[in-house]
Amino acid sequence: MKSFYIPLFLLIILSSCLGYKELPVEYDYSYRGNFKKYRTFEIMRPIGVNDTTMVNAIVEKSIISRMKFLGYKQTETRPHLIIGFKMYTDSLRFNGYDQPEIEEWVKNQTADLSYDQRKLDLKTGTLLIPFFDRRQNRSIWQGYATTLYGSINFNNERHLRNAVISILDKYRFMAEGFNEGNTASIQENDLE
């Protein structure tokens, strides 16, 4: 009887992985970002405007889930990061930048780098997710996926969730203090 459940369990696990297809995405960042110093976030919501390209429950839920996974706490009171998003259904001319990988830059913290701009002609179906540093009042990171890399159907829940996950996979910074707190609690549990 036990041998029946093991293959069934493996089949369920593998089939759940088939629903996720990582899209190639691009991202840009500010050399003024304090990526290891952020702990809290909030979702940006448009005020007084009913802009359906900036309000979507699936996108919001996916962003919140990912940020909490990274150890960030959601708060309405003075969050360190404010995260927005916009879905562009038409084509878009966009300025991106050629930059070192963000993890390499954070390790070296070279401040005298220049922003090497590049123009992108993005086709229909672009999802843009910018992160704003509330204290600096500036954008510090933005990731984007577009049909240039793969089809995004904003009316398809799975496509939309995959696009958000693919973009936020490029932001790999845990909340400040998140690793230390987990390490301390793990060490305490090992002593018991």
N, C-alpha and C. Protein backbone atom coordinates (compact mmCIF):
# COMPACT_ATOMS: atom_id res chain seq x y z
N MET A 1 0.82 -1.19 0.00
CA MET A 1 0.00 0.00 0.00
C MET A 1 0.86 1.26 0.00
N LYS A 2 1.95 1.25 0.80
CA LYS A 2 2.84 2.40 0.86
C LYS A 2 3.48 2.68 -0.48
N SER A 3 3.83 1.64 -1.20
CA SER A 3 4.50 1.81 -2.49
C SER A 3 3.59 2.48 -3.51
N PHE A 4 2.29 2.41 -3.33
CA PHE A 4 1.35 3.07 -4.22
C PHE A 4 1.38 4.58 -4.01
N TYR A 5 1.52 5.03 -2.77
CA TYR A 5 1.47 6.46 -2.46
C TYR A 5 2.72 7.21 -2.88
N ILE A 6 3.85 6.57 -2.85
CA ILE A 6 5.10 7.25 -3.22
C ILE A 6 5.09 7.68 -4.68
N PRO A 7 4.78 6.81 -5.66
CA PRO A 7 4.73 7.28 -7.05
C PRO A 7 3.62 8.32 -7.26
N LEU A 8 2.50 8.17 -6.56
CA LEU A 8 1.42 9.15 -6.69
C LEU A 8 1.88 10.51 -6.19
N PHE A 9 2.57 10.53 -5.06
CA PHE A 9 3.10 11.77 -4.50
C PHE A 9 4.09 12.41 -5.47
N LEU A 10 5.00 11.63 -6.04
CA LEU A 10 5.97 12.15 -6.99
C LEU A 10 5.30 12.69 -8.24
N LEU A 11 4.27 12.04 -8.71
CA LEU A 11 3.53 12.50 -9.87
C LEU A 11 2.87 13.86 -9.60
N ILE A 12 2.30 14.02 -8.44
CA ILE A 12 1.67 15.30 -8.07
C ILE A 12 2.70 16.41 -8.00
N ILE A 13 3.84 16.14 -7.40
CA ILE A 13 4.91 17.14 -7.29
C ILE A 13 5.41 17.55 -8.68
N LEU A 14 5.68 16.58 -9.53
CA LEU A 14 6.19 16.88 -10.86
C LEU A 14 5.17 17.60 -11.72
N SER A 15 3.90 17.25 -11.61
CA SER A 15 2.88 17.93 -12.41
C SER A 15 2.69 19.37 -11.96
N SER A 16 2.90 19.66 -10.68
CA SER A 16 2.78 21.04 -10.23
C SER A 16 3.91 21.89 -10.79
N CYS A 17 5.07 21.30 -11.03
CA CYS A 17 6.19 22.04 -11.62
C CYS A 17 5.95 22.36 -13.08
N LEU A 18 5.15 21.58 -13.77
CA LEU A 18 4.90 21.80 -15.19
C LEU A 18 4.09 23.06 -15.44
N GLY A 19 3.34 23.54 -14.46
CA GLY A 19 2.53 24.73 -14.62
C GLY A 19 3.34 26.01 -14.61
N TYR A 20 4.59 25.97 -14.20
CA TYR A 20 5.43 27.14 -14.11
C TYR A 20 6.48 27.12 -15.22
N LYS A 21 6.49 28.16 -16.01
CA LYS A 21 7.49 28.29 -17.07
C LYS A 21 8.18 29.64 -16.86
N GLU A 22 9.45 29.59 -16.46
CA GLU A 22 10.18 30.83 -16.20
C GLU A 22 10.40 31.57 -17.51
N LEU A 23 10.04 32.84 -17.50
CA LEU A 23 10.25 33.69 -18.68
C LEU A 23 11.58 34.40 -18.54
N PRO A 24 12.31 34.55 -19.63
CA PRO A 24 13.51 35.39 -19.56
C PRO A 24 13.07 36.83 -19.35
N VAL A 25 13.68 37.51 -18.41
CA VAL A 25 13.32 38.89 -18.11
C VAL A 25 14.60 39.73 -18.04
N GLU A 26 14.42 41.01 -18.03
CA GLU A 26 15.51 41.96 -17.86
C GLU A 26 15.24 42.77 -16.60
N TYR A 27 16.29 43.34 -16.04
CA TYR A 27 16.11 44.24 -14.91
C TYR A 27 17.21 45.30 -14.94
N ASP A 28 16.93 46.43 -14.31
CA ASP A 28 17.87 47.52 -14.15
C ASP A 28 17.84 47.93 -12.68
N TYR A 29 18.88 48.58 -12.23
CA TYR A 29 18.91 49.00 -10.83
C TYR A 29 19.68 50.30 -10.67
N SER A 30 19.48 50.95 -9.54
CA SER A 30 20.16 52.19 -9.22
C SER A 30 21.41 51.86 -8.40
N TYR A 31 22.49 52.56 -8.69
CA TYR A 31 23.72 52.39 -7.91
C TYR A 31 23.58 53.01 -6.52
N ARG A 32 22.47 53.66 -6.26
CA ARG A 32 22.22 54.23 -4.93
C ARG A 32 21.33 53.34 -4.06
N GLY A 33 20.96 52.20 -4.59
CA GLY A 33 20.11 51.29 -3.82
C GLY A 33 20.87 50.67 -2.65
N ASN A 34 20.21 50.57 -1.51
CA ASN A 34 20.78 49.93 -0.31
C ASN A 34 20.16 48.55 -0.16
N PHE A 35 20.45 47.66 -1.09
CA PHE A 35 19.72 46.41 -1.23
C PHE A 35 19.80 45.49 -0.02
N LYS A 36 20.80 45.64 0.82
CA LYS A 36 20.91 44.80 2.01
C LYS A 36 20.32 45.47 3.25
N LYS A 37 19.71 46.65 3.09
CA LYS A 37 19.21 47.43 4.23
C LYS A 37 17.69 47.57 4.28
N TYR A 38 16.97 46.88 3.42
CA TYR A 38 15.52 47.02 3.40
C TYR A 38 14.87 45.89 4.21
N ARG A 39 13.80 46.22 4.95
CA ARG A 39 13.10 45.22 5.76
C ARG A 39 11.60 45.17 5.51
N THR A 40 11.02 46.28 5.05
CA THR A 40 9.57 46.36 4.92
C THR A 40 9.18 46.82 3.52
N PHE A 41 7.93 46.56 3.15
CA PHE A 41 7.45 46.95 1.82
C PHE A 41 5.94 47.21 1.89
N GLU A 42 5.45 47.84 0.84
CA GLU A 42 4.02 48.00 0.63
C GLU A 42 3.78 48.08 -0.87
N ILE A 43 2.59 47.70 -1.28
CA ILE A 43 2.20 47.76 -2.70
C ILE A 43 1.69 49.16 -3.00
N MET A 44 2.16 49.73 -4.10
CA MET A 44 1.68 51.04 -4.54
C MET A 44 0.31 50.86 -5.19
N ARG A 45 -0.62 51.69 -4.78
CA ARG A 45 -1.96 51.66 -5.37
C ARG A 45 -2.30 53.05 -5.89
N PRO A 46 -2.83 53.13 -7.11
CA PRO A 46 -3.19 54.45 -7.65
C PRO A 46 -4.33 55.06 -6.85
N ILE A 47 -4.26 56.36 -6.65
CA ILE A 47 -5.28 57.07 -5.87
C ILE A 47 -6.18 57.85 -6.82
N GLY A 48 -7.46 57.63 -6.69
CA GLY A 48 -8.43 58.41 -7.44
C GLY A 48 -8.55 58.06 -8.91
N VAL A 49 -7.75 57.16 -9.40
CA VAL A 49 -7.79 56.79 -10.81
C VAL A 49 -8.09 55.30 -10.89
N ASN A 50 -9.02 54.94 -11.73
CA ASN A 50 -9.35 53.53 -11.91
C ASN A 50 -8.54 52.98 -13.08
N ASP A 51 -7.24 52.81 -12.86
CA ASP A 51 -6.33 52.33 -13.90
C ASP A 51 -6.16 50.83 -13.75
N THR A 52 -6.80 50.07 -14.60
CA THR A 52 -6.76 48.60 -14.49
C THR A 52 -5.39 48.03 -14.85
N THR A 53 -4.51 48.84 -15.42
CA THR A 53 -3.16 48.35 -15.73
C THR A 53 -2.25 48.41 -14.52
N MET A 54 -2.73 49.05 -13.42
CA MET A 54 -1.93 49.17 -12.21
C MET A 54 -2.61 48.51 -11.00
N VAL A 55 -3.72 47.86 -11.24
CA VAL A 55 -4.44 47.17 -10.17
C VAL A 55 -4.79 45.78 -10.68
N ASN A 56 -4.29 44.76 -9.98
CA ASN A 56 -4.58 43.39 -10.36
C ASN A 56 -4.31 42.51 -9.15
N ALA A 57 -5.34 41.82 -8.68
CA ALA A 57 -5.23 41.00 -7.47
C ALA A 57 -4.20 39.88 -7.61
N ILE A 58 -4.10 39.29 -8.79
CA ILE A 58 -3.15 38.19 -9.00
C ILE A 58 -1.72 38.70 -8.90
N VAL A 59 -1.43 39.83 -9.53
CA VAL A 59 -0.09 40.42 -9.48
C VAL A 59 0.25 40.80 -8.04
N GLU A 60 -0.67 41.49 -7.37
CA GLU A 60 -0.43 41.91 -5.98
C GLU A 60 -0.16 40.71 -5.07
N LYS A 61 -0.98 39.70 -5.17
CA LYS A 61 -0.83 38.51 -4.33
C LYS A 61 0.52 37.83 -4.59
N SER A 62 0.92 37.76 -5.85
CA SER A 62 2.20 37.14 -6.20
C SER A 62 3.39 37.94 -5.67
N ILE A 63 3.31 39.27 -5.76
CA ILE A 63 4.38 40.12 -5.25
C ILE A 63 4.47 39.98 -3.73
N ILE A 64 3.34 40.06 -3.05
CA ILE A 64 3.32 39.95 -1.58
C ILE A 64 3.89 38.61 -1.14
N SER A 65 3.48 37.55 -1.80
CA SER A 65 3.96 36.22 -1.46
C SER A 65 5.47 36.12 -1.61
N ARG A 66 6.01 36.63 -2.70
CA ARG A 66 7.45 36.56 -2.95
C ARG A 66 8.23 37.39 -1.92
N MET A 67 7.74 38.60 -1.63
CA MET A 67 8.45 39.46 -0.68
C MET A 67 8.45 38.86 0.73
N LYS A 68 7.35 38.27 1.12
CA LYS A 68 7.29 37.62 2.43
C LYS A 68 8.21 36.41 2.48
N PHE A 69 8.33 35.70 1.36
CA PHE A 69 9.25 34.57 1.27
C PHE A 69 10.69 35.04 1.50
N LEU A 70 11.01 36.25 1.03
CA LEU A 70 12.34 36.82 1.20
C LEU A 70 12.54 37.46 2.58
N GLY A 71 11.51 37.40 3.43
CA GLY A 71 11.64 37.91 4.79
C GLY A 71 11.16 39.33 5.01
N TYR A 72 10.61 39.97 4.00
CA TYR A 72 10.13 41.34 4.14
C TYR A 72 8.77 41.34 4.83
N LYS A 73 8.53 42.38 5.61
CA LYS A 73 7.24 42.53 6.29
C LYS A 73 6.44 43.61 5.56
N GLN A 74 5.17 43.33 5.32
CA GLN A 74 4.31 44.30 4.66
C GLN A 74 3.77 45.26 5.72
N THR A 75 3.88 46.55 5.45
CA THR A 75 3.39 47.55 6.38
C THR A 75 2.92 48.79 5.62
N GLU A 76 1.86 49.41 6.12
CA GLU A 76 1.38 50.66 5.53
C GLU A 76 2.12 51.86 6.10
N THR A 77 2.78 51.68 7.24
CA THR A 77 3.46 52.76 7.93
C THR A 77 4.92 52.82 7.57
N ARG A 78 5.30 53.81 6.79
CA ARG A 78 6.68 54.09 6.43
C ARG A 78 7.47 52.87 5.95
N PRO A 79 6.99 52.19 4.91
CA PRO A 79 7.73 51.03 4.39
C PRO A 79 9.05 51.47 3.76
N HIS A 80 10.05 50.61 3.80
CA HIS A 80 11.31 50.91 3.15
C HIS A 80 11.15 50.88 1.64
N LEU A 81 10.44 49.88 1.12
CA LEU A 81 10.23 49.73 -0.32
C LEU A 81 8.75 49.90 -0.65
N ILE A 82 8.49 50.60 -1.72
CA ILE A 82 7.14 50.69 -2.28
C ILE A 82 7.23 50.02 -3.65
N ILE A 83 6.40 49.00 -3.84
CA ILE A 83 6.48 48.20 -5.06
C ILE A 83 5.25 48.48 -5.92
N GLY A 84 5.50 48.87 -7.14
CA GLY A 84 4.42 49.12 -8.08
C GLY A 84 4.47 48.11 -9.22
N PHE A 85 3.49 48.21 -10.09
CA PHE A 85 3.53 47.42 -11.31
C PHE A 85 2.65 48.09 -12.34
N LYS A 86 2.92 47.80 -13.59
CA LYS A 86 2.11 48.32 -14.69
C LYS A 86 2.13 47.28 -15.80
N MET A 87 0.96 47.03 -16.35
CA MET A 87 0.81 46.11 -17.48
C MET A 87 0.59 46.95 -18.73
N TYR A 88 1.50 46.84 -19.67
CA TYR A 88 1.41 47.57 -20.93
C TYR A 88 0.88 46.61 -21.99
N THR A 89 -0.29 46.90 -22.52
CA THR A 89 -0.87 46.02 -23.53
C THR A 89 -0.37 46.38 -24.93
N ASP A 90 0.01 47.63 -25.16
CA ASP A 90 0.52 48.06 -26.46
C ASP A 90 2.04 47.99 -26.47
N SER A 91 2.62 48.26 -27.64
CA SER A 91 4.08 48.28 -27.74
C SER A 91 4.62 49.48 -26.96
N LEU A 92 5.91 49.41 -26.65
CA LEU A 92 6.48 50.39 -25.74
C LEU A 92 7.95 50.62 -26.10
N ARG A 93 8.36 51.88 -26.20
CA ARG A 93 9.77 52.22 -26.33
C ARG A 93 10.28 52.45 -24.92
N PHE A 94 11.33 51.76 -24.55
CA PHE A 94 11.75 51.71 -23.17
C PHE A 94 13.25 51.90 -23.08
N ASN A 95 13.70 52.66 -22.09
CA ASN A 95 15.13 52.82 -21.84
C ASN A 95 15.57 51.82 -20.79
N GLY A 96 16.50 50.95 -21.16
CA GLY A 96 17.11 50.02 -20.22
C GLY A 96 18.58 50.39 -20.08
N TYR A 97 19.31 49.59 -19.31
CA TYR A 97 20.71 49.88 -19.05
C TYR A 97 21.54 48.61 -19.10
N ASP A 98 22.75 48.74 -19.64
CA ASP A 98 23.73 47.66 -19.58
C ASP A 98 24.50 47.85 -18.28
N GLN A 99 24.34 46.91 -17.36
CA GLN A 99 24.96 47.01 -16.05
C GLN A 99 25.55 45.67 -15.64
N PRO A 100 26.47 45.69 -14.67
CA PRO A 100 26.95 44.41 -14.13
C PRO A 100 25.78 43.69 -13.43
N GLU A 101 25.91 42.38 -13.27
CA GLU A 101 24.90 41.65 -12.50
C GLU A 101 24.79 42.30 -11.13
N ILE A 102 23.59 42.42 -10.63
CA ILE A 102 23.36 43.15 -9.38
C ILE A 102 24.09 42.53 -8.19
N GLU A 103 24.16 41.20 -8.14
CA GLU A 103 24.85 40.54 -7.02
C GLU A 103 26.34 40.89 -7.02
N GLU A 104 26.95 40.94 -8.21
CA GLU A 104 28.36 41.30 -8.31
C GLU A 104 28.58 42.75 -7.90
N TRP A 105 27.69 43.63 -8.35
CA TRP A 105 27.84 45.04 -8.00
C TRP A 105 27.70 45.25 -6.49
N VAL A 106 26.74 44.58 -5.85
CA VAL A 106 26.54 44.73 -4.41
C VAL A 106 27.78 44.26 -3.65
N LYS A 107 28.42 43.20 -4.11
CA LYS A 107 29.64 42.71 -3.45
C LYS A 107 30.76 43.75 -3.52
N ASN A 108 30.91 44.39 -4.67
CA ASN A 108 32.03 45.32 -4.89
C ASN A 108 31.68 46.77 -4.59
N GLN A 109 30.41 47.14 -4.69
CA GLN A 109 29.92 48.50 -4.42
C GLN A 109 30.74 49.58 -5.13
N THR A 110 30.98 49.40 -6.40
CA THR A 110 31.67 50.41 -7.19
C THR A 110 30.70 51.54 -7.47
N ALA A 111 31.00 52.72 -6.94
CA ALA A 111 30.06 53.84 -7.04
C ALA A 111 30.26 54.68 -8.29
N ASP A 112 31.39 54.57 -8.94
CA ASP A 112 31.69 55.45 -10.07
C ASP A 112 31.28 54.85 -11.42
N LEU A 113 30.40 53.88 -11.41
CA LEU A 113 29.94 53.29 -12.67
C LEU A 113 28.96 54.23 -13.36
N SER A 114 28.97 54.17 -14.68
CA SER A 114 28.03 54.99 -15.43
C SER A 114 26.85 54.13 -15.88
N TYR A 115 25.76 54.77 -16.21
CA TYR A 115 24.60 54.08 -16.72
C TYR A 115 24.70 54.05 -18.24
N ASP A 116 24.96 52.90 -18.82
CA ASP A 116 25.05 52.75 -20.27
C ASP A 116 23.66 52.43 -20.79
N GLN A 117 23.02 53.46 -21.32
CA GLN A 117 21.63 53.35 -21.74
C GLN A 117 21.50 52.54 -23.03
N ARG A 118 20.42 51.80 -23.11
CA ARG A 118 20.10 51.11 -24.36
C ARG A 118 18.59 51.23 -24.57
N LYS A 119 18.22 51.42 -25.81
CA LYS A 119 16.81 51.57 -26.17
C LYS A 119 16.23 50.21 -26.49
N LEU A 120 15.06 49.95 -25.96
CA LEU A 120 14.36 48.69 -26.20
C LEU A 120 13.02 48.99 -26.83
N ASP A 121 12.69 48.28 -27.89
CA ASP A 121 11.36 48.34 -28.48
C ASP A 121 10.62 47.10 -28.00
N LEU A 122 9.80 47.27 -27.00
CA LEU A 122 9.08 46.14 -26.41
C LEU A 122 7.76 45.96 -27.13
N LYS A 123 7.46 44.73 -27.42
CA LYS A 123 6.21 44.40 -28.11
C LYS A 123 5.06 44.43 -27.12
N THR A 124 3.90 44.03 -27.56
CA THR A 124 2.73 44.05 -26.69
C THR A 124 2.87 43.05 -25.55
N GLY A 125 2.26 43.37 -24.44
CA GLY A 125 2.23 42.46 -23.31
C GLY A 125 3.41 42.59 -22.37
N THR A 126 3.82 43.80 -22.03
CA THR A 126 4.94 44.01 -21.12
C THR A 126 4.44 44.21 -19.69
N LEU A 127 5.05 43.51 -18.75
CA LEU A 127 4.78 43.71 -17.33
C LEU A 127 6.02 44.32 -16.71
N LEU A 128 5.85 45.48 -16.07
CA LEU A 128 6.94 46.20 -15.42
C LEU A 128 6.68 46.24 -13.92
N ILE A 129 7.69 45.89 -13.12
CA ILE A 129 7.58 45.94 -11.67
C ILE A 129 8.74 46.77 -11.13
N PRO A 130 8.48 48.05 -10.74
CA PRO A 130 9.53 48.87 -10.15
C PRO A 130 9.48 48.85 -8.62
N PHE A 131 10.66 48.95 -7.98
CA PHE A 131 10.79 49.07 -6.53
C PHE A 131 11.28 50.49 -6.25
N PHE A 132 10.61 51.18 -5.34
CA PHE A 132 10.98 52.54 -4.96
C PHE A 132 11.48 52.54 -3.51
N ASP A 133 12.58 53.23 -3.28
CA ASP A 133 13.08 53.45 -1.93
C ASP A 133 12.34 54.68 -1.41
N ARG A 134 11.48 54.50 -0.42
CA ARG A 134 10.66 55.60 0.09
C ARG A 134 11.52 56.70 0.71
N ARG A 135 12.57 56.33 1.43
CA ARG A 135 13.42 57.32 2.09
C ARG A 135 14.20 58.16 1.08
N GLN A 136 14.68 57.53 0.01
CA GLN A 136 15.44 58.26 -1.01
C GLN A 136 14.52 58.91 -2.04
N ASN A 137 13.26 58.49 -2.06
CA ASN A 137 12.29 59.00 -3.03
C ASN A 137 12.77 58.77 -4.46
N ARG A 138 13.21 57.53 -4.73
CA ARG A 138 13.70 57.20 -6.07
C ARG A 138 13.48 55.72 -6.37
N SER A 139 13.44 55.42 -7.65
CA SER A 139 13.36 54.04 -8.10
C SER A 139 14.74 53.41 -7.93
N ILE A 140 14.80 52.19 -7.34
CA ILE A 140 16.09 51.55 -7.12
C ILE A 140 16.23 50.24 -7.89
N TRP A 141 15.12 49.70 -8.38
CA TRP A 141 15.17 48.44 -9.13
C TRP A 141 13.91 48.33 -9.97
N GLN A 142 14.05 47.78 -11.17
CA GLN A 142 12.86 47.50 -11.98
C GLN A 142 13.12 46.27 -12.84
N GLY A 143 12.14 45.39 -12.86
CA GLY A 143 12.22 44.20 -13.68
C GLY A 143 11.07 44.20 -14.67
N TYR A 144 11.30 43.61 -15.83
CA TYR A 144 10.25 43.61 -16.84
C TYR A 144 10.31 42.37 -17.71
N ALA A 145 9.14 41.88 -18.02
CA ALA A 145 8.97 40.74 -18.93
C ALA A 145 8.05 41.21 -20.05
N THR A 146 8.29 40.72 -21.23
CA THR A 146 7.52 41.17 -22.39
C THR A 146 7.40 40.04 -23.40
N THR A 147 6.56 40.24 -24.40
CA THR A 147 6.41 39.24 -25.45
C THR A 147 7.67 39.14 -26.31
N LEU A 148 8.61 40.08 -26.13
CA LEU A 148 9.90 39.96 -26.80
C LEU A 148 10.56 38.65 -26.37
N TYR A 149 10.28 38.20 -25.15
CA TYR A 149 10.89 36.99 -24.60
C TYR A 149 9.93 35.82 -24.55
N GLY A 150 8.66 36.06 -24.49
CA GLY A 150 7.67 35.01 -24.39
C GLY A 150 6.29 35.62 -24.27
N SER A 151 5.30 34.89 -24.61
CA SER A 151 3.94 35.41 -24.63
C SER A 151 3.39 35.61 -23.22
N ILE A 152 2.88 36.81 -22.94
CA ILE A 152 2.20 37.08 -21.67
C ILE A 152 0.77 37.45 -22.00
N ASN A 153 -0.15 36.67 -21.51
CA ASN A 153 -1.56 36.95 -21.69
C ASN A 153 -2.08 37.47 -20.35
N PHE A 154 -2.40 38.76 -20.27
CA PHE A 154 -2.83 39.36 -19.01
C PHE A 154 -4.18 38.84 -18.54
N ASN A 155 -4.92 38.17 -19.41
CA ASN A 155 -6.21 37.60 -19.02
C ASN A 155 -6.08 36.16 -18.54
N ASN A 156 -4.87 35.61 -18.63
CA ASN A 156 -4.63 34.24 -18.20
C ASN A 156 -3.89 34.28 -16.86
N GLU A 157 -4.55 33.77 -15.81
CA GLU A 157 -4.01 33.84 -14.45
C GLU A 157 -2.64 33.17 -14.36
N ARG A 158 -2.48 32.03 -14.98
CA ARG A 158 -1.21 31.30 -14.92
C ARG A 158 -0.09 32.07 -15.61
N HIS A 159 -0.37 32.65 -16.79
CA HIS A 159 0.64 33.45 -17.51
C HIS A 159 1.06 34.64 -16.66
N LEU A 160 0.09 35.29 -16.05
CA LEU A 160 0.37 36.48 -15.26
C LEU A 160 1.20 36.13 -14.03
N ARG A 161 0.84 35.08 -13.35
CA ARG A 161 1.60 34.64 -12.16
C ARG A 161 3.03 34.23 -12.56
N ASN A 162 3.18 33.53 -13.68
CA ASN A 162 4.51 33.14 -14.16
C ASN A 162 5.37 34.36 -14.48
N ALA A 163 4.77 35.38 -15.06
CA ALA A 163 5.52 36.60 -15.39
C ALA A 163 6.02 37.27 -14.12
N VAL A 164 5.16 37.38 -13.10
CA VAL A 164 5.56 38.00 -11.84
C VAL A 164 6.68 37.20 -11.18
N ILE A 165 6.52 35.89 -11.11
CA ILE A 165 7.53 35.04 -10.48
C ILE A 165 8.85 35.15 -11.23
N SER A 166 8.80 35.14 -12.56
CA SER A 166 10.03 35.25 -13.35
C SER A 166 10.74 36.57 -13.09
N ILE A 167 9.99 37.65 -13.01
CA ILE A 167 10.60 38.96 -12.75
C ILE A 167 11.21 39.01 -11.35
N LEU A 168 10.43 38.61 -10.36
CA LEU A 168 10.91 38.73 -8.97
C LEU A 168 11.99 37.72 -8.63
N ASP A 169 12.17 36.70 -9.44
CA ASP A 169 13.30 35.79 -9.25
C ASP A 169 14.63 36.51 -9.46
N LYS A 170 14.61 37.64 -10.16
CA LYS A 170 15.83 38.41 -10.40
C LYS A 170 16.19 39.31 -9.22
N TYR A 171 15.23 39.54 -8.31
CA TYR A 171 15.50 40.32 -7.09
C TYR A 171 15.76 39.31 -5.98
N ARG A 172 17.01 39.11 -5.63
CA ARG A 172 17.40 38.00 -4.75
C ARG A 172 17.89 38.46 -3.38
N PHE A 173 17.46 39.58 -2.91
CA PHE A 173 17.95 40.10 -1.64
C PHE A 173 16.96 39.82 -0.52
N MET A 174 17.45 39.13 0.50
CA MET A 174 16.63 38.87 1.68
C MET A 174 16.50 40.17 2.48
N ALA A 175 15.44 40.26 3.26
CA ALA A 175 15.25 41.41 4.13
C ALA A 175 16.39 41.49 5.14
N GLU A 176 16.78 42.70 5.50
CA GLU A 176 17.85 42.88 6.47
C GLU A 176 17.50 42.17 7.77
N GLY A 177 18.41 41.38 8.27
CA GLY A 177 18.21 40.67 9.53
C GLY A 177 17.45 39.37 9.40
N PHE A 178 16.92 39.06 8.22
CA PHE A 178 16.12 37.85 8.06
C PHE A 178 16.97 36.60 8.21
N ASN A 179 18.12 36.55 7.58
CA ASN A 179 19.01 35.38 7.70
C ASN A 179 19.55 35.21 9.10
N GLU A 180 19.94 36.32 9.76
CA GLU A 180 20.51 36.24 11.09
C GLU A 180 19.47 35.69 12.08
N GLY A 181 18.23 36.16 11.97
CA GLY A 181 17.18 35.69 12.87
C GLY A 181 16.90 34.22 12.68
N ASN A 182 16.89 33.75 11.45
CA ASN A 182 16.65 32.32 11.18
C ASN A 182 17.81 31.47 11.66
N THR A 183 19.04 31.97 11.47
CA THR A 183 20.21 31.22 11.92
C THR A 183 20.20 31.09 13.43
N ALA A 184 19.86 32.18 14.14
CA ALA A 184 19.84 32.14 15.61
C ALA A 184 18.79 31.16 16.11
N SER A 185 17.59 31.17 15.50
CA SER A 185 16.54 30.26 15.97
C SER A 185 16.89 28.82 15.63
N ILE A 186 17.58 28.59 14.52
CA ILE A 186 17.99 27.23 14.17
C ILE A 186 19.03 26.74 15.18
N GLN A 187 19.98 27.62 15.53
CA GLN A 187 21.00 27.24 16.50
C GLN A 187 20.39 26.96 17.86
N GLU A 188 19.40 27.76 18.28
CA GLU A 188 18.73 27.52 19.56
C GLU A 188 18.02 26.18 19.56
N ASN A 189 17.36 25.86 18.44
CA ASN A 189 16.66 24.57 18.35
C ASN A 189 17.63 23.40 18.37
N ASP A 190 18.81 23.60 17.80
CA ASP A 190 19.81 22.52 17.81
C ASP A 190 20.33 22.24 19.21
N LEU A 191 20.34 23.27 20.07
CA LEU A 191 20.84 23.09 21.44
C LEU A 191 19.84 22.36 22.32
N GLU A 192 18.57 22.41 22.00
CA GLU A 192 17.54 21.80 22.83
C GLU A 192 17.52 20.31 22.70
